[in-house]
C-alpha atoms as a PDB file:
ATOM      1  CA  UNK A   1     123.153 165.735  52.750  1.00  0.00           C
ATOM      2  CA  UNK A   2     122.247 162.111  53.387  1.00  0.00           C
ATOM      3  CA  UNK A   3     123.896 160.523  56.390  1.00  0.00           C
ATOM      4  CA  UNK A   4     125.490 157.809  54.225  1.00  0.00           C
ATOM      5  CA  UNK A   5     127.216 160.355  52.018  1.00  0.00           C
ATOM      6  CA  UNK A   6     128.210 162.416  55.044  1.00  0.00           C
ATOM      7  CA  UNK A   7     129.758 159.344  56.683  1.00  0.00           C
ATOM      8  CA  UNK A   8     131.677 158.536  53.520  1.00  0.00           C
ATOM      9  CA  UNK A   9     133.076 162.068  53.246  1.00  0.00           C
ATOM     10  CA  UNK A  10     133.979 162.262  56.929  1.00  0.00           C
ATOM     11  CA  UNK A  11     135.518 158.789  56.746  1.00  0.00           C
ATOM     12  CA  UNK A  12     137.740 159.791  53.834  1.00  0.00           C
ATOM     13  CA  UNK A  13     138.767 162.936  55.715  1.00  0.00           C
ATOM     14  CA  UNK A  14     139.739 160.903  58.784  1.00  0.00           C
ATOM     15  CA  UNK A  15     141.646 158.403  56.647  1.00  0.00           C
ATOM     16  CA  UNK A  16     143.735 161.188  55.104  1.00  0.00           C
ATOM     17  CA  UNK A  17     144.224 162.946  58.443  1.00  0.00           C
ATOM     18  CA  UNK A  18     145.264 159.675  60.060  1.00  0.00           C
ATOM     19  CA  UNK A  19     147.705 158.888  57.269  1.00  0.00           C
ATOM     20  CA  UNK A  20     149.302 162.314  57.630  1.00  0.00           C
ATOM     21  CA  UNK A  21     149.602 161.872  61.397  1.00  0.00           C
ATOM     22  CA  UNK A  22     151.124 158.447  60.901  1.00  0.00           C
ATOM     23  CA  UNK A  23     153.725 159.861  58.485  1.00  0.00           C
ATOM     24  CA  UNK A  24     154.478 162.744  60.852  1.00  0.00           C
ATOM     25  CA  UNK A  25     154.970 160.242  63.657  1.00  0.00           C
ATOM     26  CA  UNK A  26     157.376 158.210  61.540  1.00  0.00           C
ATOM     27  CA  UNK A  27     159.363 161.256  60.464  1.00  0.00           C
ATOM     28  CA  UNK A  28     159.480 162.769  63.940  1.00  0.00           C
ATOM     29  CA  UNK A  29     160.165 159.410  65.574  1.00  0.00           C
ATOM     30  CA  UNK A  30     157.118 159.818  67.779  1.00  0.00           C
ATOM     31  CA  UNK A  31     155.491 156.411  68.229  1.00  0.00           C
ATOM     32  CA  UNK A  32     152.480 157.890  70.064  1.00  0.00           C
ATOM     33  CA  UNK A  33     151.621 160.152  67.118  1.00  0.00           C
ATOM     34  CA  UNK A  34     152.155 157.288  64.688  1.00  0.00           C
ATOM     35  CA  UNK A  35     149.796 155.048  66.696  1.00  0.00           C
ATOM     36  CA  UNK A  36     147.130 157.774  66.924  1.00  0.00           C
ATOM     37  CA  UNK A  37     147.360 158.277  63.174  1.00  0.00           C
ATOM     38  CA  UNK A  38     146.967 154.572  62.523  1.00  0.00           C
ATOM     39  CA  UNK A  39     143.934 154.416  64.821  1.00  0.00           C
ATOM     40  CA  UNK A  40     142.329 157.422  63.140  1.00  0.00           C
ATOM     41  CA  UNK A  41     142.972 155.960  59.694  1.00  0.00           C
ATOM     42  CA  UNK A  42     141.253 152.703  60.678  1.00  0.00           C
ATOM     43  CA  UNK A  43     138.331 154.603  62.213  1.00  0.00           C
ATOM     44  CA  UNK A  44     137.994 156.555  58.971  1.00  0.00           C
ATOM     45  CA  UNK A  45     137.887 153.341  56.953  1.00  0.00           C
ATOM     46  CA  UNK A  46     135.159 151.974  59.206  1.00  0.00           C
ATOM     47  CA  UNK A  47     133.136 155.189  58.981  1.00  0.00           C
ATOM     48  CA  UNK A  48     133.460 155.202  55.195  1.00  0.00           C
ATOM     49  CA  UNK A  49     132.187 151.598  54.993  1.00  0.00           C
ATOM     50  CA  UNK A  50     129.253 152.473  57.251  1.00  0.00           C
ATOM     51  CA  UNK A  51     128.369 155.279  54.845  1.00  0.00           C
ATOM     52  CA  UNK A  52     128.509 152.874  51.905  1.00  0.00           C
ATOM     53  CA  UNK A  53     126.189 150.439  53.680  1.00  0.00           C
ATOM     54  CA  UNK A  54     123.767 153.253  54.569  1.00  0.00           C
ATOM     55  CA  UNK A  55     123.663 154.298  50.905  1.00  0.00           C
ATOM     56  CA  UNK A  56     122.885 150.743  49.806  1.00  0.00           C
ATOM     57  CA  UNK A  57     120.140 150.404  52.417  1.00  0.00           C
ATOM     58  CA  UNK A  58     118.722 153.806  51.522  1.00  0.00           C
ATOM     59  CA  UNK A  59     119.107 155.506  54.879  1.00  0.00           C
END
């Protein structure tokens, strides 16, 4: 699998995982878990964009 596609897939996975953590933090009233989820969601978005750029550049 090309690294661009791999980054996109992993980025989407981290976005979903982060969103679930964020929701769990809200429901459980755990601000640390909510913050970790938000961070992971943002990291997933960044990784997904990197994968898109790699696909455009042909890497």
